[in-house]
Amino acid sequence: MTVERAILFVVGLLVLASVLLAVYVNINWLWLTGILGAHLMQASFTGLCPVVMVLKKIGLPQKAGFA
């Protein structure tokens, strides 16, 4: 798995988890979904993503994201 694929997996997992928590626990979990969406937009402009930094530190290889 590469950093690019792992970040898609992590964000997708968090979005699904927050939606399920909103449905079954409390609607306020949808704030997490909104925050994730805002972070994705911010990361697309700045290139700064803390999760990517962590994935690089654990040694995942990098290559073109959607090749």
N, C-alpha and C. Protein backbone atom coordinates (compact mmCIF):
# COMPACT_ATOMS: atom_id res chain seq x y z
N MET A 1 0.86 -1.18 0.00
CA MET A 1 0.00 0.00 0.00
C MET A 1 0.90 1.24 0.00
N THR A 2 0.50 2.23 -0.76
CA THR A 2 1.25 3.48 -0.83
C THR A 2 0.59 4.54 0.05
N VAL A 3 1.30 5.63 0.27
CA VAL A 3 0.77 6.75 1.06
C VAL A 3 -0.52 7.26 0.43
N GLU A 4 -0.53 7.38 -0.88
CA GLU A 4 -1.71 7.93 -1.57
C GLU A 4 -2.94 7.04 -1.38
N ARG A 5 -2.75 5.73 -1.46
CA ARG A 5 -3.88 4.81 -1.25
C ARG A 5 -4.28 4.77 0.22
N ALA A 6 -3.31 4.82 1.10
CA ALA A 6 -3.59 4.75 2.53
C ALA A 6 -4.39 5.97 3.00
N ILE A 7 -4.07 7.15 2.47
CA ILE A 7 -4.80 8.34 2.89
C ILE A 7 -6.26 8.26 2.44
N LEU A 8 -6.50 7.72 1.25
CA LEU A 8 -7.88 7.52 0.80
C LEU A 8 -8.61 6.55 1.72
N PHE A 9 -7.93 5.49 2.13
CA PHE A 9 -8.53 4.51 3.03
C PHE A 9 -8.86 5.13 4.38
N VAL A 10 -7.91 5.86 4.96
CA VAL A 10 -8.09 6.44 6.29
C VAL A 10 -9.25 7.44 6.29
N VAL A 11 -9.27 8.34 5.32
CA VAL A 11 -10.33 9.36 5.27
C VAL A 11 -11.68 8.69 4.99
N GLY A 12 -11.72 7.73 4.09
CA GLY A 12 -12.97 7.01 3.82
C GLY A 12 -13.49 6.29 5.06
N LEU A 13 -12.59 5.66 5.79
CA LEU A 13 -12.96 4.97 7.02
C LEU A 13 -13.52 5.95 8.06
N LEU A 14 -12.88 7.10 8.20
CA LEU A 14 -13.36 8.10 9.16
C LEU A 14 -14.72 8.67 8.76
N VAL A 15 -14.94 8.90 7.48
CA VAL A 15 -16.23 9.41 7.03
C VAL A 15 -17.33 8.37 7.29
N LEU A 16 -17.07 7.12 6.93
CA LEU A 16 -18.07 6.08 7.19
C LEU A 16 -18.35 5.92 8.68
N ALA A 17 -17.30 5.95 9.48
CA ALA A 17 -17.48 5.82 10.93
C ALA A 17 -18.31 6.97 11.48
N SER A 18 -18.04 8.20 11.03
CA SER A 18 -18.79 9.34 11.56
C SER A 18 -20.26 9.30 11.13
N VAL A 19 -20.53 8.83 9.93
CA VAL A 19 -21.93 8.71 9.49
C VAL A 19 -22.65 7.64 10.29
N LEU A 20 -22.00 6.51 10.49
CA LEU A 20 -22.63 5.45 11.30
C LEU A 20 -22.85 5.90 12.74
N LEU A 21 -21.89 6.62 13.29
CA LEU A 21 -22.07 7.14 14.65
C LEU A 21 -23.21 8.16 14.70
N ALA A 22 -23.35 8.96 13.65
CA ALA A 22 -24.45 9.94 13.60
C ALA A 22 -25.80 9.24 13.54
N VAL A 23 -25.87 8.15 12.81
CA VAL A 23 -27.14 7.42 12.67
C VAL A 23 -27.50 6.68 13.96
N TYR A 24 -26.52 6.03 14.57
CA TYR A 24 -26.81 5.15 15.69
C TYR A 24 -26.54 5.74 17.07
N VAL A 25 -25.77 6.82 17.17
CA VAL A 25 -25.41 7.36 18.49
C VAL A 25 -25.96 8.77 18.67
N ASN A 26 -25.43 9.71 17.87
CA ASN A 26 -25.83 11.11 18.04
C ASN A 26 -25.57 11.85 16.74
N ILE A 27 -26.51 12.66 16.32
CA ILE A 27 -26.42 13.39 15.05
C ILE A 27 -25.21 14.34 15.01
N ASN A 28 -24.73 14.74 16.17
CA ASN A 28 -23.59 15.66 16.22
C ASN A 28 -22.30 15.06 15.66
N TRP A 29 -22.24 13.75 15.45
CA TRP A 29 -21.07 13.13 14.82
C TRP A 29 -20.90 13.59 13.38
N LEU A 30 -21.95 14.17 12.79
CA LEU A 30 -21.81 14.68 11.42
C LEU A 30 -20.85 15.86 11.35
N TRP A 31 -20.58 16.50 12.48
CA TRP A 31 -19.56 17.56 12.50
C TRP A 31 -18.21 17.01 12.07
N LEU A 32 -17.91 15.78 12.47
CA LEU A 32 -16.65 15.16 12.06
C LEU A 32 -16.59 15.01 10.55
N THR A 33 -17.68 14.61 9.93
CA THR A 33 -17.74 14.49 8.48
C THR A 33 -17.47 15.84 7.83
N GLY A 34 -18.08 16.90 8.35
CA GLY A 34 -17.86 18.24 7.82
C GLY A 34 -16.42 18.70 7.99
N ILE A 35 -15.84 18.41 9.13
CA ILE A 35 -14.45 18.78 9.38
C ILE A 35 -13.52 18.04 8.43
N LEU A 36 -13.79 16.77 8.18
CA LEU A 36 -12.97 16.00 7.24
C LEU A 36 -13.07 16.58 5.83
N GLY A 37 -14.27 16.96 5.42
CA GLY A 37 -14.44 17.58 4.10
C GLY A 37 -13.70 18.89 3.99
N ALA A 38 -13.77 19.71 5.04
CA ALA A 38 -13.05 20.99 5.04
C ALA A 38 -11.55 20.76 5.01
N HIS A 39 -11.09 19.76 5.73
CA HIS A 39 -9.65 19.45 5.73
C HIS A 39 -9.19 18.98 4.36
N LEU A 40 -9.99 18.17 3.69
CA LEU A 40 -9.62 17.72 2.34
C LEU A 40 -9.48 18.90 1.38
N MET A 41 -10.40 19.86 1.49
CA MET A 41 -10.30 21.04 0.64
C MET A 41 -9.06 21.85 0.98
N GLN A 42 -8.79 22.03 2.27
CA GLN A 42 -7.60 22.77 2.71
C GLN A 42 -6.34 22.07 2.23
N ALA A 43 -6.28 20.76 2.36
CA ALA A 43 -5.09 20.00 1.96
C ALA A 43 -4.87 20.07 0.46
N SER A 44 -5.94 20.18 -0.32
CA SER A 44 -5.76 20.27 -1.77
C SER A 44 -5.11 21.58 -2.17
N PHE A 45 -5.31 22.64 -1.39
CA PHE A 45 -4.69 23.93 -1.69
C PHE A 45 -3.29 24.05 -1.13
N THR A 46 -3.09 23.56 0.11
CA THR A 46 -1.81 23.77 0.78
C THR A 46 -0.85 22.60 0.66
N GLY A 47 -1.38 21.40 0.43
CA GLY A 47 -0.54 20.20 0.39
C GLY A 47 -0.13 19.73 1.78
N LEU A 48 -0.69 20.32 2.83
CA LEU A 48 -0.35 19.98 4.20
C LEU A 48 -1.41 19.04 4.77
N CYS A 49 -0.98 17.83 5.15
CA CYS A 49 -1.89 16.85 5.74
C CYS A 49 -1.14 16.07 6.82
N PRO A 50 -1.54 16.21 8.07
CA PRO A 50 -0.85 15.50 9.15
C PRO A 50 -0.87 13.98 9.00
N VAL A 51 -1.94 13.42 8.46
CA VAL A 51 -2.02 11.97 8.29
C VAL A 51 -0.96 11.50 7.29
N VAL A 52 -0.76 12.27 6.23
CA VAL A 52 0.27 11.91 5.24
C VAL A 52 1.65 11.92 5.89
N MET A 53 1.90 12.90 6.75
CA MET A 53 3.19 12.96 7.44
C MET A 53 3.42 11.71 8.29
N VAL A 54 2.37 11.27 8.98
CA VAL A 54 2.48 10.06 9.82
C VAL A 54 2.71 8.83 8.94
N LEU A 55 1.97 8.72 7.84
CA LEU A 55 2.13 7.57 6.97
C LEU A 55 3.53 7.50 6.36
N LYS A 56 4.11 8.66 6.05
CA LYS A 56 5.48 8.69 5.54
C LYS A 56 6.47 8.24 6.61
N LYS A 57 6.24 8.67 7.86
CA LYS A 57 7.15 8.31 8.94
C LYS A 57 7.14 6.82 9.24
N ILE A 58 5.99 6.17 9.02
CA ILE A 58 5.96 4.72 9.28
C ILE A 58 6.53 3.93 8.11
N GLY A 59 6.90 4.64 7.05
CA GLY A 59 7.64 3.99 5.98
C GLY A 59 6.85 3.55 4.76
N LEU A 60 5.64 4.02 4.59
CA LEU A 60 4.90 3.65 3.37
C LEU A 60 5.53 4.33 2.17
N PRO A 61 5.64 3.62 1.06
CA PRO A 61 6.23 4.22 -0.14
C PRO A 61 5.27 5.21 -0.80
N GLN A 62 5.83 6.11 -1.59
CA GLN A 62 5.03 7.10 -2.31
C GLN A 62 5.14 6.85 -3.81
N LYS A 63 4.06 7.08 -4.52
CA LYS A 63 4.08 7.13 -5.97
C LYS A 63 2.84 7.87 -6.43
N ALA A 64 2.68 8.05 -7.72
CA ALA A 64 1.56 8.82 -8.25
C ALA A 64 0.25 8.28 -7.71
N GLY A 65 -0.63 9.20 -7.27
CA GLY A 65 -1.85 8.84 -6.59
C GLY A 65 -2.84 8.01 -7.40
N PHE A 66 -3.13 8.41 -8.62
CA PHE A 66 -4.18 7.74 -9.36
C PHE A 66 -3.68 7.25 -10.73
N ALA A 67 -2.48 6.74 -10.74
CA ALA A 67 -1.92 6.25 -12.00
C ALA A 67 -2.41 4.88 -12.34
